[in-house]
Amino acid sequence: MRAMLWVVGIVAGALILLGLLLEAVRWLVIIGVIALLAVIVFAFVKGRQAVQHRHSARR
């Protein structure tokens, strides 16, 4: 009986840790996607500024 309680406790602890890990991974993926979008927008804005600056410098 005591061994079964240990097994149930260990399995429960492992499931809790797995749930926390999956939750953390999900949030890391969300943060990574947001950061990737921010980098793409930043690169697009900087590229447009460079093109406009180069275009106005020729005049």
N, C-alpha and C. Protein backbone atom coordinates (compact mmCIF):
# COMPACT_ATOMS: atom_id res chain seq x y z
N MET A 1 0.83 -1.19 0.00
CA MET A 1 0.00 0.00 0.00
C MET A 1 0.87 1.26 0.00
N ARG A 2 1.93 1.22 0.82
CA ARG A 2 2.81 2.38 0.91
C ARG A 2 3.53 2.61 -0.42
N ALA A 3 3.94 1.53 -1.09
CA ALA A 3 4.61 1.64 -2.39
C ALA A 3 3.67 2.25 -3.42
N MET A 4 2.41 1.86 -3.37
CA MET A 4 1.46 2.41 -4.33
C MET A 4 1.26 3.91 -4.10
N LEU A 5 1.25 4.34 -2.85
CA LEU A 5 1.13 5.77 -2.55
C LEU A 5 2.35 6.53 -3.09
N TRP A 6 3.53 5.94 -2.95
CA TRP A 6 4.75 6.57 -3.48
C TRP A 6 4.65 6.71 -5.00
N VAL A 7 4.21 5.64 -5.66
CA VAL A 7 4.10 5.67 -7.12
C VAL A 7 3.08 6.72 -7.55
N VAL A 8 1.93 6.76 -6.90
CA VAL A 8 0.91 7.75 -7.23
C VAL A 8 1.45 9.16 -6.99
N GLY A 9 2.16 9.36 -5.88
CA GLY A 9 2.74 10.67 -5.59
C GLY A 9 3.78 11.09 -6.62
N ILE A 10 4.62 10.16 -7.02
CA ILE A 10 5.65 10.47 -8.01
C ILE A 10 5.02 10.77 -9.37
N VAL A 11 4.02 9.98 -9.76
CA VAL A 11 3.34 10.22 -11.04
C VAL A 11 2.63 11.57 -11.00
N ALA A 12 1.97 11.88 -9.89
CA ALA A 12 1.29 13.16 -9.77
C ALA A 12 2.29 14.32 -9.86
N GLY A 13 3.42 14.20 -9.17
CA GLY A 13 4.44 15.23 -9.24
C GLY A 13 4.99 15.40 -10.65
N ALA A 14 5.20 14.27 -11.33
CA ALA A 14 5.70 14.33 -12.71
C ALA A 14 4.68 15.00 -13.62
N LEU A 15 3.41 14.70 -13.43
CA LEU A 15 2.37 15.34 -14.26
C LEU A 15 2.29 16.83 -13.99
N ILE A 16 2.43 17.23 -12.75
CA ILE A 16 2.42 18.67 -12.41
C ILE A 16 3.60 19.36 -13.06
N LEU A 17 4.79 18.77 -12.93
CA LEU A 17 5.98 19.36 -13.55
C LEU A 17 5.85 19.42 -15.06
N LEU A 18 5.30 18.36 -15.67
CA LEU A 18 5.10 18.34 -17.11
C LEU A 18 4.13 19.44 -17.54
N GLY A 19 3.07 19.61 -16.77
CA GLY A 19 2.10 20.67 -17.07
C GLY A 19 2.73 22.04 -16.98
N LEU A 20 3.55 22.27 -15.94
CA LEU A 20 4.23 23.57 -15.80
C LEU A 20 5.21 23.78 -16.94
N LEU A 21 5.92 22.73 -17.33
CA LEU A 21 6.90 22.83 -18.42
C LEU A 21 6.20 23.15 -19.73
N LEU A 22 5.10 22.46 -20.01
CA LEU A 22 4.36 22.71 -21.25
C LEU A 22 3.78 24.12 -21.26
N GLU A 23 3.32 24.59 -20.12
CA GLU A 23 2.81 25.96 -20.02
C GLU A 23 3.93 26.96 -20.29
N ALA A 24 5.11 26.70 -19.73
CA ALA A 24 6.25 27.59 -19.94
C ALA A 24 6.66 27.57 -21.41
N VAL A 25 6.67 26.39 -22.02
CA VAL A 25 7.04 26.29 -23.44
C VAL A 25 6.04 27.05 -24.29
N ARG A 26 4.77 26.95 -23.95
CA ARG A 26 3.75 27.67 -24.72
C ARG A 26 3.98 29.17 -24.63
N TRP A 27 4.27 29.67 -23.43
CA TRP A 27 4.52 31.10 -23.27
C TRP A 27 5.80 31.51 -23.97
N LEU A 28 6.82 30.66 -23.96
CA LEU A 28 8.07 30.99 -24.67
C LEU A 28 7.83 31.05 -26.18
N VAL A 29 7.00 30.16 -26.70
CA VAL A 29 6.67 30.19 -28.12
C VAL A 29 5.93 31.48 -28.45
N ILE A 30 4.98 31.87 -27.61
CA ILE A 30 4.22 33.10 -27.84
C ILE A 30 5.15 34.30 -27.81
N ILE A 31 6.04 34.36 -26.82
CA ILE A 31 6.99 35.46 -26.71
C ILE A 31 7.92 35.48 -27.92
N GLY A 32 8.37 34.31 -28.36
CA GLY A 32 9.24 34.23 -29.53
C GLY A 32 8.56 34.72 -30.79
N VAL A 33 7.29 34.37 -30.98
CA VAL A 33 6.55 34.84 -32.16
C VAL A 33 6.39 36.35 -32.12
N ILE A 34 6.09 36.90 -30.94
CA ILE A 34 5.95 38.35 -30.80
C ILE A 34 7.28 39.04 -31.11
N ALA A 35 8.37 38.48 -30.59
CA ALA A 35 9.69 39.07 -30.86
C ALA A 35 10.03 38.99 -32.34
N LEU A 36 9.70 37.88 -32.99
CA LEU A 36 9.96 37.74 -34.42
C LEU A 36 9.17 38.77 -35.21
N LEU A 37 7.91 38.95 -34.88
CA LEU A 37 7.10 39.96 -35.56
C LEU A 37 7.67 41.36 -35.35
N ALA A 38 8.13 41.65 -34.12
CA ALA A 38 8.71 42.95 -33.84
C ALA A 38 9.97 43.18 -34.67
N VAL A 39 10.80 42.17 -34.82
CA VAL A 39 12.01 42.29 -35.62
C VAL A 39 11.66 42.52 -37.09
N ILE A 40 10.66 41.81 -37.59
CA ILE A 40 10.26 41.98 -38.99
C ILE A 40 9.74 43.40 -39.23
N VAL A 41 8.90 43.90 -38.32
CA VAL A 41 8.37 45.26 -38.46
C VAL A 41 9.51 46.27 -38.36
N PHE A 42 10.42 46.09 -37.41
CA PHE A 42 11.55 47.00 -37.25
C PHE A 42 12.42 47.02 -38.51
N ALA A 43 12.69 45.84 -39.08
CA ALA A 43 13.50 45.78 -40.30
C ALA A 43 12.79 46.45 -41.46
N PHE A 44 11.49 46.27 -41.57
CA PHE A 44 10.71 46.90 -42.63
C PHE A 44 10.75 48.41 -42.51
N VAL A 45 10.56 48.93 -41.28
CA VAL A 45 10.59 50.38 -41.06
C VAL A 45 11.97 50.94 -41.36
N LYS A 46 13.01 50.29 -40.88
CA LYS A 46 14.38 50.76 -41.14
C LYS A 46 14.70 50.70 -42.63
N GLY A 47 14.25 49.68 -43.32
CA GLY A 47 14.47 49.57 -44.75
C GLY A 47 13.79 50.69 -45.51
N ARG A 48 12.56 51.00 -45.13
CA ARG A 48 11.85 52.10 -45.79
C ARG A 48 12.55 53.43 -45.53
N GLN A 49 13.04 53.62 -44.29
CA GLN A 49 13.75 54.86 -43.98
C GLN A 49 15.03 54.97 -44.80
N ALA A 50 15.74 53.87 -44.97
CA ALA A 50 16.98 53.89 -45.75
C ALA A 50 16.69 54.21 -47.20
N VAL A 51 15.62 53.63 -47.75
CA VAL A 51 15.27 53.90 -49.14
C VAL A 51 14.86 55.36 -49.31
N GLN A 52 14.06 55.90 -48.40
CA GLN A 52 13.65 57.29 -48.48
C GLN A 52 14.83 58.23 -48.32
N HIS A 53 15.75 57.89 -47.41
CA HIS A 53 16.93 58.72 -47.18
C HIS A 53 17.81 58.73 -48.42
N ARG A 54 18.01 57.57 -49.03
CA ARG A 54 18.83 57.47 -50.23
C ARG A 54 18.17 58.20 -51.39
N HIS A 55 16.84 58.12 -51.47
CA HIS A 55 16.11 58.77 -52.54
C HIS A 55 16.18 60.29 -52.39
N SER A 56 16.07 60.80 -51.18
CA SER A 56 16.12 62.25 -50.96
C SER A 56 17.56 62.78 -51.09
N ALA A 57 18.56 61.95 -50.86
CA ALA A 57 19.95 62.40 -50.98
C ALA A 57 20.36 62.59 -52.43
N ARG A 58 19.68 61.89 -53.35
CA ARG A 58 20.01 62.04 -54.78
C ARG A 58 19.54 63.37 -55.35
N ARG A 59 18.53 63.97 -54.76
CA ARG A 59 17.98 65.22 -55.29
C ARG A 59 18.83 66.39 -55.03
